Amino acid sequence: MEQAGLAGAKTPKRGGSVLTDRERELALLIAGGKGNRAAAEALSITEKAVEKYLTSIYAKLGMTSRAQLAAYIAAGRAET
């Protein structure tokens, strides 16, 4: 069950992976400092696909920025 967080942001569901394997791969690259173009090249996808994945990741995790995503990854909250 999702819970409302600050400013209406949702917290991830407990007990299972919120992100798909591909979203997790991208999240790790972005948190590691890669830009959209570099992440796209590393995953052999388009920059537009990266943008769509990031939109999905942010929505699922209730985030709005790369900095928030990096902090989430650094805190070890994403399953790898």
N, C-alpha and C. Protein backbone atom coordinates (compact mmCIF):
# COMPACT_ATOMS: atom_id res chain seq x y z
N MET A 1 0.83 -1.17 0.00
CA MET A 1 0.00 0.00 0.00
C MET A 1 0.88 1.24 0.00
N GLU A 2 0.61 2.18 -0.88
CA GLU A 2 1.40 3.39 -0.94
C GLU A 2 0.88 4.39 0.08
N GLN A 3 1.82 5.17 0.62
CA GLN A 3 1.48 6.17 1.59
C GLN A 3 1.84 7.54 1.04
N ALA A 4 1.05 8.55 1.40
CA ALA A 4 1.36 9.91 0.98
C ALA A 4 2.52 10.43 1.80
N GLY A 5 3.46 11.11 1.15
CA GLY A 5 4.59 11.71 1.83
C GLY A 5 4.47 13.23 1.80
N LEU A 6 5.58 13.90 1.88
CA LEU A 6 5.60 15.36 1.84
C LEU A 6 5.07 15.87 0.52
N ALA A 7 4.32 16.92 0.58
CA ALA A 7 3.78 17.59 -0.61
C ALA A 7 3.08 16.61 -1.56
N GLY A 8 2.45 15.60 -1.01
CA GLY A 8 1.69 14.66 -1.83
C GLY A 8 2.52 13.61 -2.54
N ALA A 9 3.84 13.60 -2.32
CA ALA A 9 4.69 12.60 -2.96
C ALA A 9 4.38 11.24 -2.36
N LYS A 10 4.50 10.22 -3.16
CA LYS A 10 4.23 8.87 -2.69
C LYS A 10 5.52 8.19 -2.28
N THR A 11 5.44 7.37 -1.26
CA THR A 11 6.59 6.56 -0.88
C THR A 11 6.46 5.22 -1.57
N PRO A 12 7.59 4.57 -1.87
CA PRO A 12 7.52 3.29 -2.56
C PRO A 12 6.82 2.22 -1.75
N LYS A 13 6.23 1.26 -2.45
CA LYS A 13 5.60 0.12 -1.80
C LYS A 13 6.64 -0.71 -1.08
N ARG A 14 6.25 -1.33 -0.01
CA ARG A 14 7.15 -2.19 0.75
C ARG A 14 6.98 -3.64 0.30
N GLY A 15 8.04 -4.43 0.53
CA GLY A 15 7.93 -5.86 0.31
C GLY A 15 8.20 -6.33 -1.10
N GLY A 16 8.55 -5.45 -2.00
CA GLY A 16 8.85 -5.88 -3.35
C GLY A 16 9.54 -4.77 -4.11
N SER A 17 10.07 -5.11 -5.24
CA SER A 17 10.76 -4.12 -6.05
C SER A 17 9.75 -3.19 -6.69
N VAL A 18 10.01 -1.91 -6.58
CA VAL A 18 9.14 -0.91 -7.19
C VAL A 18 9.57 -0.68 -8.64
N LEU A 19 10.87 -0.69 -8.88
CA LEU A 19 11.40 -0.42 -10.21
C LEU A 19 11.62 -1.71 -10.99
N THR A 20 11.48 -1.60 -12.30
CA THR A 20 11.82 -2.73 -13.15
C THR A 20 13.33 -2.87 -13.19
N ASP A 21 13.83 -3.97 -13.70
CA ASP A 21 15.27 -4.18 -13.80
C ASP A 21 15.91 -3.06 -14.62
N ARG A 22 15.29 -2.69 -15.73
CA ARG A 22 15.83 -1.66 -16.61
C ARG A 22 15.83 -0.29 -15.93
N GLU A 23 14.75 0.02 -15.21
CA GLU A 23 14.69 1.27 -14.47
C GLU A 23 15.78 1.32 -13.41
N ARG A 24 16.02 0.20 -12.75
CA ARG A 24 17.06 0.13 -11.73
C ARG A 24 18.44 0.35 -12.36
N GLU A 25 18.68 -0.26 -13.52
CA GLU A 25 19.95 -0.06 -14.23
C GLU A 25 20.17 1.42 -14.53
N LEU A 26 19.14 2.05 -15.06
CA LEU A 26 19.23 3.46 -15.40
C LEU A 26 19.41 4.32 -14.15
N ALA A 27 18.67 4.02 -13.10
CA ALA A 27 18.79 4.78 -11.85
C ALA A 27 20.21 4.74 -11.32
N LEU A 28 20.84 3.59 -11.39
CA LEU A 28 22.23 3.45 -10.92
C LEU A 28 23.19 4.29 -11.77
N LEU A 29 22.97 4.32 -13.07
CA LEU A 29 23.82 5.13 -13.95
C LEU A 29 23.64 6.62 -13.67
N ILE A 30 22.39 7.04 -13.54
CA ILE A 30 22.10 8.46 -13.28
C ILE A 30 22.65 8.87 -11.92
N ALA A 31 22.45 8.03 -10.92
CA ALA A 31 22.96 8.32 -9.58
C ALA A 31 24.48 8.38 -9.58
N GLY A 32 25.10 7.64 -10.50
CA GLY A 32 26.56 7.64 -10.62
C GLY A 32 27.10 8.84 -11.38
N GLY A 33 26.21 9.72 -11.80
CA GLY A 33 26.65 10.96 -12.45
C GLY A 33 26.57 10.99 -13.96
N LYS A 34 26.08 9.92 -14.58
CA LYS A 34 25.96 9.92 -16.03
C LYS A 34 24.84 10.85 -16.48
N GLY A 35 25.06 11.52 -17.58
CA GLY A 35 24.03 12.33 -18.20
C GLY A 35 23.11 11.44 -19.04
N ASN A 36 22.05 12.03 -19.55
CA ASN A 36 21.10 11.24 -20.35
C ASN A 36 21.75 10.59 -21.56
N ARG A 37 22.59 11.34 -22.27
CA ARG A 37 23.22 10.79 -23.47
C ARG A 37 24.13 9.61 -23.12
N ALA A 38 24.96 9.77 -22.09
CA ALA A 38 25.88 8.71 -21.69
C ALA A 38 25.12 7.49 -21.19
N ALA A 39 24.05 7.71 -20.44
CA ALA A 39 23.23 6.59 -19.95
C ALA A 39 22.57 5.87 -21.12
N ALA A 40 22.08 6.63 -22.08
CA ALA A 40 21.46 6.03 -23.27
C ALA A 40 22.45 5.16 -24.01
N GLU A 41 23.66 5.65 -24.19
CA GLU A 41 24.69 4.88 -24.88
C GLU A 41 25.05 3.62 -24.10
N ALA A 42 25.16 3.73 -22.79
CA ALA A 42 25.52 2.59 -21.96
C ALA A 42 24.46 1.49 -22.02
N LEU A 43 23.20 1.90 -22.16
CA LEU A 43 22.10 0.92 -22.19
C LEU A 43 21.62 0.60 -23.60
N SER A 44 22.26 1.20 -24.59
CA SER A 44 21.87 1.01 -26.00
C SER A 44 20.41 1.34 -26.24
N ILE A 45 19.99 2.50 -25.71
CA ILE A 45 18.64 3.00 -25.92
C ILE A 45 18.75 4.46 -26.34
N THR A 46 17.64 5.07 -26.72
CA THR A 46 17.65 6.46 -27.14
C THR A 46 17.57 7.39 -25.93
N GLU A 47 17.97 8.63 -26.15
CA GLU A 47 17.83 9.63 -25.08
C GLU A 47 16.36 9.83 -24.72
N LYS A 48 15.49 9.74 -25.69
CA LYS A 48 14.05 9.86 -25.42
C LYS A 48 13.59 8.74 -24.50
N ALA A 49 14.09 7.54 -24.70
CA ALA A 49 13.75 6.41 -23.82
C ALA A 49 14.25 6.68 -22.40
N VAL A 50 15.44 7.26 -22.28
CA VAL A 50 15.97 7.60 -20.96
C VAL A 50 15.03 8.58 -20.28
N GLU A 51 14.58 9.60 -21.00
CA GLU A 51 13.65 10.59 -20.44
C GLU A 51 12.37 9.91 -19.96
N LYS A 52 11.85 8.99 -20.75
CA LYS A 52 10.62 8.29 -20.37
C LYS A 52 10.84 7.41 -19.13
N TYR A 53 11.96 6.71 -19.10
CA TYR A 53 12.27 5.88 -17.93
C TYR A 53 12.41 6.76 -16.68
N LEU A 54 13.11 7.89 -16.82
CA LEU A 54 13.28 8.77 -15.66
C LEU A 54 11.95 9.29 -15.16
N THR A 55 11.07 9.65 -16.07
CA THR A 55 9.73 10.11 -15.67
C THR A 55 9.03 9.02 -14.87
N SER A 56 9.13 7.79 -15.33
CA SER A 56 8.50 6.66 -14.64
C SER A 56 9.15 6.42 -13.27
N ILE A 57 10.47 6.47 -13.23
CA ILE A 57 11.20 6.27 -11.97
C ILE A 57 10.79 7.32 -10.95
N TYR A 58 10.82 8.58 -11.37
CA TYR A 58 10.46 9.67 -10.46
C TYR A 58 9.03 9.51 -9.95
N ALA A 59 8.11 9.13 -10.83
CA ALA A 59 6.71 8.96 -10.42
C ALA A 59 6.57 7.81 -9.42
N LYS A 60 7.23 6.70 -9.70
CA LYS A 60 7.13 5.54 -8.81
C LYS A 60 7.72 5.81 -7.44
N LEU A 61 8.78 6.62 -7.40
CA LEU A 61 9.48 6.86 -6.13
C LEU A 61 9.07 8.17 -5.47
N GLY A 62 8.18 8.92 -6.12
CA GLY A 62 7.73 10.18 -5.55
C GLY A 62 8.83 11.23 -5.52
N MET A 63 9.64 11.26 -6.57
CA MET A 63 10.78 12.17 -6.64
C MET A 63 10.60 13.15 -7.79
N THR A 64 11.42 14.20 -7.74
CA THR A 64 11.36 15.19 -8.81
C THR A 64 12.73 15.56 -9.38
N SER A 65 13.80 14.96 -8.86
CA SER A 65 15.12 15.37 -9.34
C SER A 65 16.14 14.23 -9.30
N ARG A 66 17.21 14.45 -10.06
CA ARG A 66 18.33 13.51 -10.07
C ARG A 66 18.99 13.45 -8.70
N ALA A 67 19.05 14.59 -8.02
CA ALA A 67 19.66 14.63 -6.69
C ALA A 67 18.91 13.73 -5.71
N GLN A 68 17.59 13.77 -5.76
CA GLN A 68 16.79 12.90 -4.90
C GLN A 68 17.04 11.44 -5.25
N LEU A 69 17.12 11.14 -6.54
CA LEU A 69 17.38 9.77 -6.98
C LEU A 69 18.76 9.31 -6.51
N ALA A 70 19.75 10.17 -6.64
CA ALA A 70 21.10 9.82 -6.20
C ALA A 70 21.13 9.55 -4.70
N ALA A 71 20.42 10.36 -3.92
CA ALA A 71 20.37 10.15 -2.47
C ALA A 71 19.69 8.83 -2.14
N TYR A 72 18.64 8.50 -2.87
CA TYR A 72 17.90 7.24 -2.69
C TYR A 72 18.82 6.05 -2.95
N ILE A 73 19.57 6.13 -4.04
CA ILE A 73 20.50 5.05 -4.39
C ILE A 73 21.63 4.97 -3.36
N ALA A 74 22.18 6.11 -2.97
CA ALA A 74 23.29 6.14 -2.00
C ALA A 74 22.86 5.57 -0.65
N ALA A 75 21.60 5.74 -0.30
CA ALA A 75 21.09 5.22 0.96
C ALA A 75 20.84 3.71 0.88
N GLY A 76 21.06 3.13 -0.31
CA GLY A 76 20.90 1.69 -0.48
C GLY A 76 19.46 1.24 -0.52
N ARG A 77 18.56 2.12 -0.91
CA ARG A 77 17.14 1.75 -0.94
C ARG A 77 16.73 1.01 -2.20
N ALA A 78 17.52 1.09 -3.24
CA ALA A 78 17.19 0.39 -4.48
C ALA A 78 17.84 -0.98 -4.47
N GLU A 79 17.08 -1.99 -4.78
CA GLU A 79 17.62 -3.34 -4.87
C GLU A 79 18.51 -3.42 -6.08
N THR A 80 19.68 -4.03 -5.94
CA THR A 80 20.57 -4.15 -7.09
C THR A 80 20.80 -5.58 -7.45
